[in-house]
């Protein structure tokens, strides 16, 4: 009888094809399309817990959610959603627990996983198809924030991880200052798979497919730069030499010349092996291209965006360099940028959500929504169906918009806001739309 009643009750929700609205969350059981679930006859059950007791269903037994069904519930503070599973006619076992406060406006889709070592996916989605009112990605700061007093570090913006890596090729020089543990992994895997080490490094070192100019056109306003001096030339690097610093700066200048109301954070995240003379060479390159447009250190991450726009300050240069006379914002005080070193979506998501609720409102904050390959990923990359490069690993985060919403919910619960969302291959996901929807929502207050 419970299954019959469940089916009747859920018909109310199936007609809602727009996904979870603000103030609620939904769970969709799409396991009818997953081979493992069909063969093992996987059943899904739901309970809602609060203060150690089950508040839904009243019976205390998991509410069975049939294949093809959707169940929604208002978000209530202090409640936890527990997803249970059972195979054939076996007993229920707990699969995943969420704080429902973090699920606001999120659909949980039980469907195909992004990885072969997971039987099915518990994927988070946040209305990615809803693009109404989304501004042009090439000029969104101009369209949304002209004459607005919003602090720059309270605006949601995309960042591109290792922005210069798009230029990596088999002809690229190896980075002589690559982190030793990473070099050892590459060397070991190259021998194990009988592949040229450069081939392996290329597959896993490229994090962007677009030039910096096109990254900016696509909505990015934070550039993660790994600076090096290789063979006498200032370049970017990620294991192998990437784009030259001259080409990165030229792309940035072209973009900002065309769009005077846009602002870009240029973060020299690391600069292994660079000398003081190399740093001065980079300062000179920036001065030559952005004289009068480099934001002075008298401003701060919490300065209103309109102050940057009205004074023509378009580049915020952040680094760990010591400078005298050059407007260099210290990365130690201006930005928090925690790296989580995870190769699967859920450990990553839980760590990023936990970190953002502690962010300082006086700094920029980077939420690194990026996966980092583990040694195990290198070992399985030649097996059919497993990620063969970083781009395929990143694709195991099936819906970045849902992960963003989860992170943003965590920030809001502690009186904070999502700021910079760092991503690989942003054109493959829907983060720009999610970020802009959040900016529009904030401006409507």
Protein backbone atom coordinates (compact mmCIF):
# COMPACT_ATOMS: atom_id res chain seq x y z
CA UNK A 1 0.00 0.00 0.00
CA UNK A 2 2.87 2.39 0.79
CA UNK A 3 4.18 2.19 -2.82
CA UNK A 4 0.73 2.88 -4.31
CA UNK A 5 0.19 5.93 -2.12
CA UNK A 6 3.70 7.17 -2.87
CA UNK A 7 3.04 7.04 -6.60
CA UNK A 8 -0.22 8.99 -6.28
CA UNK A 9 1.35 11.62 -4.03
CA UNK A 10 4.34 12.18 -6.30
CA UNK A 11 2.25 12.80 -9.40
CA UNK A 12 1.68 16.29 -8.01
CA UNK A 13 5.37 17.05 -8.36
CA UNK A 14 6.12 15.43 -11.70
CA UNK A 15 4.24 18.18 -13.55
CA UNK A 16 6.73 20.73 -12.18
CA UNK A 17 9.45 20.57 -14.85
CA UNK A 18 11.19 23.75 -13.72
CA UNK A 19 13.07 22.17 -10.83
CA UNK A 20 13.29 23.16 -7.20
CA UNK A 21 12.28 26.73 -6.37
CA UNK A 22 13.84 28.88 -3.65
CA UNK A 23 12.80 27.63 -0.25
CA UNK A 24 12.56 23.98 -1.30
CA UNK A 25 14.58 21.07 -2.61
CA UNK A 26 13.60 18.08 -4.75
CA UNK A 27 14.82 14.53 -5.27
CA UNK A 28 14.39 12.87 -8.69
CA UNK A 29 14.82 9.11 -9.11
CA UNK A 30 16.05 8.51 -12.65
CA UNK A 31 17.73 5.17 -11.96
CA UNK A 32 15.60 3.43 -14.59
CA UNK A 33 18.31 4.59 -17.04
CA UNK A 34 21.26 3.22 -15.05
CA UNK A 35 22.38 -0.33 -15.88
CA UNK A 36 23.64 -1.12 -12.38
CA UNK A 37 20.39 0.02 -10.78
CA UNK A 38 18.23 -1.98 -13.19
CA UNK A 39 20.24 -5.20 -12.88
CA UNK A 40 20.35 -4.98 -9.08
CA UNK A 41 16.82 -3.59 -8.75
CA UNK A 42 17.99 -0.65 -6.63
CA UNK A 43 15.27 0.99 -4.54
CA UNK A 44 15.65 4.47 -3.09
CA UNK A 45 14.20 5.52 0.25
CA UNK A 46 14.13 8.94 1.91
CA UNK A 47 13.92 10.06 5.51
CA UNK A 48 14.18 13.50 7.07
CA UNK A 49 15.89 13.67 10.46
CA UNK A 50 16.02 16.41 13.09
CA UNK A 51 17.72 16.31 16.46
CA UNK A 52 18.35 12.60 16.14
CA UNK A 53 14.79 11.53 15.30
CA UNK A 54 12.89 10.89 12.07
CA UNK A 55 10.35 13.62 11.28
CA UNK A 56 9.41 12.19 7.86
CA UNK A 57 7.80 9.75 7.30
CA UNK A 58 5.87 9.45 10.55
CA UNK A 59 6.37 5.68 10.46
CA UNK A 60 10.12 6.17 10.74
CA UNK A 61 10.69 3.82 7.80
CA UNK A 62 12.23 5.25 4.59
CA UNK A 63 9.72 6.67 2.13
CA UNK A 64 10.25 4.72 -1.10
CA UNK A 65 10.79 6.94 -4.14
CA UNK A 66 9.92 4.98 -7.26
CA UNK A 67 11.76 5.14 -10.56
CA UNK A 68 10.68 8.16 -12.59
CA UNK A 69 9.30 9.93 -9.51
CA UNK A 70 10.10 13.28 -7.92
CA UNK A 71 9.66 14.33 -4.29
CA UNK A 72 9.98 17.89 -2.99
CA UNK A 73 10.03 19.37 0.49
CA UNK A 74 10.39 22.87 1.97
CA UNK A 75 13.78 23.67 3.46
CA UNK A 76 13.56 23.65 7.26
CA UNK A 77 16.45 24.69 9.45
CA UNK A 78 18.05 21.88 11.40
CA UNK A 79 16.71 19.08 9.21
CA UNK A 80 18.81 16.48 7.40
CA UNK A 81 17.85 14.49 4.33
CA UNK A 82 19.04 10.88 4.39
CA UNK A 83 19.05 8.95 1.12
CA UNK A 84 18.79 5.17 1.62
CA UNK A 85 19.16 2.34 -0.86
CA UNK A 86 18.20 -1.32 -0.99
CA UNK A 87 18.82 -3.96 -3.65
CA UNK A 88 16.19 -6.58 -4.55
CA UNK A 89 14.26 -7.07 -1.31
CA UNK A 90 17.19 -6.38 1.00
CA UNK A 91 17.10 -4.04 3.96
CA UNK A 92 17.68 -0.28 3.72
CA UNK A 93 21.17 1.17 4.17
CA UNK A 94 22.13 4.84 4.37
CA UNK A 95 23.79 6.16 1.19
CA UNK A 96 24.21 9.93 1.67
CA UNK A 97 23.16 12.59 4.19
CA UNK A 98 22.64 16.30 3.45
CA UNK A 99 21.79 19.27 5.62
CA UNK A 100 18.60 20.46 3.92
CA UNK A 101 19.63 24.10 4.50
CA UNK A 102 22.41 23.52 1.95
CA UNK A 103 19.91 22.13 -0.60
CA UNK A 104 17.89 25.31 -1.07
CA UNK A 105 16.76 25.54 -4.74
CA UNK A 106 18.57 22.31 -5.65
CA UNK A 107 17.34 19.18 -7.42
CA UNK A 108 19.08 15.97 -6.36
CA UNK A 109 19.10 13.73 -9.41
CA UNK A 110 19.74 10.04 -8.88
CA UNK A 111 21.03 9.00 -12.27
CA UNK A 112 24.18 8.05 -14.18
CA UNK A 113 27.38 8.82 -12.28
CA UNK A 114 30.25 10.69 -13.85
CA UNK A 115 32.74 7.97 -12.82
CA UNK A 116 32.95 4.25 -13.53
CA UNK A 117 33.84 3.45 -9.92
CA UNK A 118 30.47 4.76 -8.70
CA UNK A 119 27.33 2.66 -9.21
CA UNK A 120 25.15 5.69 -9.78
CA UNK A 121 25.32 9.42 -9.26
CA UNK A 122 23.77 11.63 -6.61
CA UNK A 123 23.99 14.75 -8.75
CA UNK A 124 23.06 18.28 -7.69
CA UNK A 125 21.31 20.52 -10.25
CA UNK A 126 20.13 24.12 -9.99
CA UNK A 127 17.92 25.11 -12.94
CA UNK A 128 20.75 25.44 -15.51
CA UNK A 129 18.36 26.01 -18.42
CA UNK A 130 16.88 29.19 -16.93
CA UNK A 131 18.78 32.01 -18.67
CA UNK A 132 16.20 34.80 -18.43
CA UNK A 133 17.87 38.12 -17.71
CA UNK A 134 21.44 36.74 -17.91
CA UNK A 135 23.75 39.55 -19.15
CA UNK A 136 26.20 39.34 -22.04
CA UNK A 137 29.21 37.44 -20.67
CA UNK A 138 31.63 39.85 -22.34
CA UNK A 139 30.33 42.93 -20.45
CA UNK A 140 28.39 41.73 -17.44
CA UNK A 141 30.11 44.06 -14.96
CA UNK A 142 29.17 47.05 -17.10
CA UNK A 143 25.58 45.90 -17.51
CA UNK A 144 24.94 44.93 -13.90
CA UNK A 145 27.16 47.15 -11.78
CA UNK A 146 27.60 50.60 -13.33
CA UNK A 147 26.93 53.07 -10.48
CA UNK A 148 26.46 50.24 -7.98
CA UNK A 149 28.10 50.30 -4.54
CA UNK A 150 28.55 46.52 -4.27
CA UNK A 151 31.99 45.57 -2.88
CA UNK A 152 34.12 43.79 -5.47
CA UNK A 153 34.63 40.83 -3.14
CA UNK A 154 30.87 40.38 -2.71
CA UNK A 155 30.27 39.83 -6.43
CA UNK A 156 30.12 36.33 -7.89
CA UNK A 157 32.58 35.92 -10.74
CA UNK A 158 34.18 33.05 -12.61
CA UNK A 159 37.89 32.39 -12.45
CA UNK A 160 39.98 30.30 -14.82
CA UNK A 161 42.44 27.87 -13.26
CA UNK A 162 45.93 27.99 -14.83
CA UNK A 163 44.67 30.47 -17.39
CA UNK A 164 47.73 30.15 -19.65
CA UNK A 165 47.70 26.35 -19.95
CA UNK A 166 45.72 26.39 -23.23
CA UNK A 167 49.01 26.77 -25.10
CA UNK A 168 50.66 23.60 -23.73
CA UNK A 169 51.82 21.24 -26.47
CA UNK A 170 54.29 18.41 -27.00
CA UNK A 171 56.80 21.08 -28.06
CA UNK A 172 56.50 22.85 -24.70
CA UNK A 173 59.53 22.91 -22.42
CA UNK A 174 59.21 21.17 -19.08
CA UNK A 175 58.87 23.39 -16.06
CA UNK A 176 62.21 23.04 -14.23
CA UNK A 177 60.57 24.27 -11.01
CA UNK A 178 57.62 21.87 -11.06
CA UNK A 179 56.62 20.64 -7.60
CA UNK A 180 58.74 17.56 -6.83
CA UNK A 181 55.84 15.25 -5.76
CA UNK A 182 54.01 15.98 -9.03
CA UNK A 183 57.14 15.36 -11.08
CA UNK A 184 57.65 12.01 -9.34
CA UNK A 185 54.08 10.93 -10.14
CA UNK A 186 54.46 11.87 -13.81
CA UNK A 187 57.76 10.01 -14.06
CA UNK A 188 56.34 6.91 -12.38
CA UNK A 189 53.19 6.83 -14.50
CA UNK A 190 55.11 7.42 -17.72
CA UNK A 191 57.21 4.33 -17.03
CA UNK A 192 54.19 2.29 -15.92
CA UNK A 193 52.18 3.04 -19.07
CA UNK A 194 55.17 3.02 -21.42
CA UNK A 195 54.22 6.50 -22.64
CA UNK A 196 56.42 9.55 -23.27
CA UNK A 197 56.30 11.61 -20.10
CA UNK A 198 55.44 14.77 -22.04
CA UNK A 199 52.36 13.09 -23.48
CA UNK A 200 51.07 12.30 -20.01
CA UNK A 201 51.88 15.80 -18.73
CA UNK A 202 50.06 17.39 -21.67
CA UNK A 203 46.88 15.33 -21.12
CA UNK A 204 46.73 16.31 -17.47
CA UNK A 205 48.34 19.75 -17.56
CA UNK A 206 45.91 21.55 -19.86
CA UNK A 207 43.11 23.14 -17.82
CA UNK A 208 41.81 25.59 -20.45
CA UNK A 209 41.07 25.24 -24.15
CA UNK A 210 40.38 28.93 -24.83
CA UNK A 211 42.82 31.82 -25.05
CA UNK A 212 42.77 34.35 -22.25
CA UNK A 213 40.85 36.75 -24.49
CA UNK A 214 38.13 34.16 -25.03
CA UNK A 215 38.10 33.19 -21.36
CA UNK A 216 37.29 36.81 -20.58
CA UNK A 217 34.66 36.99 -23.32
CA UNK A 218 33.06 33.93 -21.71
CA UNK A 219 32.66 35.76 -18.41
CA UNK A 220 35.84 35.07 -16.40
CA UNK A 221 37.09 38.04 -14.36
CA UNK A 222 39.77 36.29 -12.33
CA UNK A 223 42.89 34.85 -13.96
CA UNK A 224 44.96 32.25 -12.10
CA UNK A 225 48.50 32.80 -13.38
CA UNK A 226 51.47 30.48 -12.73
CA UNK A 227 54.48 32.58 -13.73
CA UNK A 228 57.88 31.19 -14.69
CA UNK A 229 61.07 32.19 -16.48
CA UNK A 230 61.89 29.36 -18.90
CA UNK A 231 64.61 29.57 -21.54
CA UNK A 232 64.99 33.29 -20.90
CA UNK A 233 61.31 34.11 -21.45
CA UNK A 234 58.48 35.01 -19.07
CA UNK A 235 55.78 32.35 -19.50
CA UNK A 236 52.95 30.59 -17.74
CA UNK A 237 53.39 26.93 -16.82
CA UNK A 238 51.55 23.90 -15.48
CA UNK A 239 54.02 21.07 -15.62
CA UNK A 240 54.88 22.18 -19.15
CA UNK A 241 55.38 25.66 -20.56
CA UNK A 242 52.10 27.35 -21.48
CA UNK A 243 51.30 30.69 -23.06
CA UNK A 244 53.92 33.43 -22.94
CA UNK A 245 53.26 36.19 -20.46
CA UNK A 246 53.37 38.66 -23.34
CA UNK A 247 50.47 36.92 -25.10
CA UNK A 248 48.45 36.66 -21.87
CA UNK A 249 48.91 40.37 -21.20
CA UNK A 250 48.13 41.25 -24.85
CA UNK A 251 44.86 39.32 -24.63
CA UNK A 252 43.98 41.04 -21.37
CA UNK A 253 44.77 44.48 -22.82
CA UNK A 254 42.70 43.82 -25.94
CA UNK A 255 39.71 42.81 -23.83
CA UNK A 256 39.93 45.76 -21.44
CA UNK A 257 40.54 48.28 -24.22
CA UNK A 258 37.26 47.15 -25.79
CA UNK A 259 35.32 47.13 -22.50
CA UNK A 260 36.29 49.97 -20.13
CA UNK A 261 33.69 49.03 -17.50
CA UNK A 262 35.14 45.55 -16.83
CA UNK A 263 37.61 44.69 -14.06
CA UNK A 264 39.94 41.68 -13.95
CA UNK A 265 41.85 40.22 -10.99
CA UNK A 266 45.28 39.11 -12.26
CA UNK A 267 46.55 36.73 -9.59
CA UNK A 268 50.13 35.48 -9.87
CA UNK A 269 49.37 32.42 -7.79
CA UNK A 270 52.92 31.14 -7.77
CA UNK A 271 56.21 32.06 -9.40
CA UNK A 272 58.65 29.26 -8.61
CA UNK A 273 62.21 29.97 -9.67
CA UNK A 274 61.67 33.63 -10.59
CA UNK A 275 64.36 36.08 -9.51
CA UNK A 276 63.92 39.67 -8.40
CA UNK A 277 64.90 40.77 -11.91
CA UNK A 278 62.22 38.50 -13.39
CA UNK A 279 59.62 40.05 -11.11
CA UNK A 280 60.67 43.55 -12.17
CA UNK A 281 60.39 42.46 -15.80
CA UNK A 282 56.78 41.39 -15.18
CA UNK A 283 56.02 44.67 -13.40
CA UNK A 284 57.40 46.57 -16.39
CA UNK A 285 55.26 44.54 -18.80
CA UNK A 286 52.13 45.32 -16.79
CA UNK A 287 53.00 49.03 -16.47
CA UNK A 288 53.63 49.31 -20.20
CA UNK A 289 50.19 47.91 -21.00
CA UNK A 290 48.03 49.15 -18.12
CA UNK A 291 49.52 52.43 -16.96
CA UNK A 292 46.84 54.32 -15.05
CA UNK A 293 44.55 51.28 -15.02
CA UNK A 294 46.25 49.25 -12.27
CA UNK A 295 44.21 49.47 -9.06
CA UNK A 296 46.27 51.15 -6.30
CA UNK A 297 46.92 49.42 -3.00
CA UNK A 298 44.92 52.17 -1.24
CA UNK A 299 41.81 50.36 -2.44
CA UNK A 300 40.83 46.98 -1.03
CA UNK A 301 38.84 43.88 -1.98
CA UNK A 302 35.83 45.37 -0.18
CA UNK A 303 35.95 48.64 -2.15
CA UNK A 304 32.78 49.31 -4.17
CA UNK A 305 33.02 48.22 -7.79
CA UNK A 306 31.84 51.67 -8.89
CA UNK A 307 35.02 53.21 -7.43
CA UNK A 308 37.11 50.99 -9.70
CA UNK A 309 34.92 51.74 -12.73
CA UNK A 310 34.65 55.50 -12.17
CA UNK A 311 38.43 55.87 -11.81
CA UNK A 312 39.35 53.62 -14.74
CA UNK A 313 40.98 50.94 -12.58
CA UNK A 314 40.59 47.74 -14.58
CA UNK A 315 43.37 45.44 -13.31
CA UNK A 316 43.89 44.24 -9.75
CA UNK A 317 47.40 42.75 -9.69
CA UNK A 318 47.82 40.26 -6.84
CA UNK A 319 51.06 38.41 -6.08
CA UNK A 320 53.51 37.38 -3.40
CA UNK A 321 56.19 39.70 -4.86
CA UNK A 322 57.71 42.55 -2.94
CA UNK A 323 57.37 45.79 -4.85
CA UNK A 324 58.31 49.42 -4.51
CA UNK A 325 56.23 51.83 -6.54
CA UNK A 326 54.28 49.17 -8.43
CA UNK A 327 50.63 48.68 -7.36
CA UNK A 328 50.93 45.09 -6.19
CA UNK A 329 48.26 43.72 -3.86
CA UNK A 330 49.80 41.21 -1.45
CA UNK A 331 48.31 37.74 -1.90
CA UNK A 332 48.87 37.11 1.80
CA UNK A 333 46.35 39.77 2.85
CA UNK A 334 44.17 40.36 -0.22
CA UNK A 335 42.99 36.85 -1.07
CA UNK A 336 42.16 33.46 0.42
CA UNK A 337 42.61 30.63 -2.05
CA UNK A 338 42.45 27.18 -0.38
CA UNK A 339 43.32 24.14 -2.50
CA UNK A 340 41.49 20.92 -1.60
CA UNK A 341 43.38 18.28 -3.63
CA UNK A 342 40.37 16.03 -4.30
CA UNK A 343 39.69 13.87 -7.35
CA UNK A 344 35.99 13.14 -6.71
CA UNK A 345 33.04 15.57 -6.59
CA UNK A 346 31.74 14.88 -3.08
CA UNK A 347 34.83 15.18 -0.95
CA UNK A 348 35.57 18.33 -2.95
CA UNK A 349 32.08 19.79 -2.51
CA UNK A 350 31.98 19.14 1.23
CA UNK A 351 35.38 20.78 1.75
CA UNK A 352 34.65 23.85 -0.39
CA UNK A 353 31.28 24.37 1.34
CA UNK A 354 32.93 24.08 4.73
CA UNK A 355 35.68 26.54 3.83
CA UNK A 356 33.48 29.26 2.35
CA UNK A 357 31.42 29.69 5.49
CA UNK A 358 34.62 30.80 7.24
CA UNK A 359 35.76 33.24 4.55
CA UNK A 360 36.79 36.74 5.51
CA UNK A 361 34.61 39.53 4.16
CA UNK A 362 37.70 41.75 3.93
CA UNK A 363 39.42 39.55 1.32
CA UNK A 364 38.74 38.08 -2.08
CA UNK A 365 37.81 34.44 -1.68
CA UNK A 366 38.45 31.74 -4.28
CA UNK A 367 36.24 28.65 -4.13
CA UNK A 368 38.27 26.11 -6.09
CA UNK A 369 35.60 24.00 -7.80
CA UNK A 370 38.31 21.97 -9.51
CA UNK A 371 39.30 18.31 -9.38
CA UNK A 372 42.93 17.27 -9.01
CA UNK A 373 44.02 13.97 -10.54
CA UNK A 374 45.31 11.35 -8.12
CA UNK A 375 47.90 8.71 -8.95
CA UNK A 376 45.05 6.22 -9.35
CA UNK A 377 43.57 8.34 -12.15
CA UNK A 378 46.81 8.16 -14.10
CA UNK A 379 46.94 4.40 -13.70
CA UNK A 380 43.41 3.86 -15.08
CA UNK A 381 43.47 6.45 -17.84
CA UNK A 382 44.01 3.92 -20.63
CA UNK A 383 41.06 1.77 -19.55
CA UNK A 384 37.87 2.20 -21.63
CA UNK A 385 35.40 4.57 -20.01
CA UNK A 386 37.80 6.05 -17.46
CA UNK A 387 38.99 9.70 -17.64
CA UNK A 388 41.91 9.87 -20.06
CA UNK A 389 42.77 13.50 -19.39
CA UNK A 390 41.94 16.33 -17.03
CA UNK A 391 39.02 17.54 -19.13
CA UNK A 392 37.30 14.17 -18.81
CA UNK A 393 38.01 14.07 -15.07
CA UNK A 394 36.45 17.53 -14.67
CA UNK A 395 33.36 16.30 -16.54
CA UNK A 396 32.63 13.92 -13.65
CA UNK A 397 31.18 17.01 -11.95
CA UNK A 398 28.11 16.63 -14.12
CA UNK A 399 26.28 19.83 -13.14
CA UNK A 400 28.57 22.59 -11.81
CA UNK A 401 25.53 24.86 -11.28
CA UNK A 402 24.21 22.58 -8.53
CA UNK A 403 27.57 22.46 -6.80
CA UNK A 404 27.73 26.26 -6.96
CA UNK A 405 24.27 26.57 -5.41
CA UNK A 406 25.27 24.22 -2.59
CA UNK A 407 28.43 26.26 -1.92
CA UNK A 408 26.50 29.53 -2.11
CA UNK A 409 23.88 28.23 0.33
CA UNK A 410 26.68 27.39 2.77
CA UNK A 411 28.07 30.93 2.46
CA UNK A 412 24.69 32.58 2.99
CA UNK A 413 23.92 30.56 6.11
CA UNK A 414 26.97 32.14 7.77
CA UNK A 415 26.32 35.69 6.52
CA UNK A 416 28.78 35.47 3.64
CA UNK A 417 28.65 35.38 -0.16
CA UNK A 418 30.32 33.38 -2.88
CA UNK A 419 32.94 35.47 -4.67
CA UNK A 420 35.38 33.84 -7.13
CA UNK A 421 34.46 30.39 -8.45
CA UNK A 422 37.54 28.77 -9.98
CA UNK A 423 36.93 26.33 -12.82
CA UNK A 424 38.64 24.31 -15.52
CA UNK A 425 37.12 24.43 -19.02
CA UNK A 426 34.25 26.80 -18.08
CA UNK A 427 32.68 26.45 -21.53
CA UNK A 428 31.77 22.84 -20.67
CA UNK A 429 29.54 23.81 -17.74
CA UNK A 430 26.81 26.18 -16.67
CA UNK A 431 28.56 28.11 -13.88
CA UNK A 432 28.39 31.48 -15.61
CA UNK A 433 24.58 31.42 -15.68
CA UNK A 434 24.40 30.25 -12.06
CA UNK A 435 26.79 33.00 -10.94
CA UNK A 436 24.91 35.72 -12.80
CA UNK A 437 21.54 34.56 -11.46
CA UNK A 438 22.95 34.93 -7.95
CA UNK A 439 24.29 38.43 -8.72
CA UNK A 440 20.91 39.49 -10.10
CA UNK A 441 19.16 38.08 -7.02
CA UNK A 442 21.47 40.06 -4.72
CA UNK A 443 20.91 43.28 -6.66
CA UNK A 444 17.14 42.89 -6.28
CA UNK A 445 17.32 43.30 -2.48
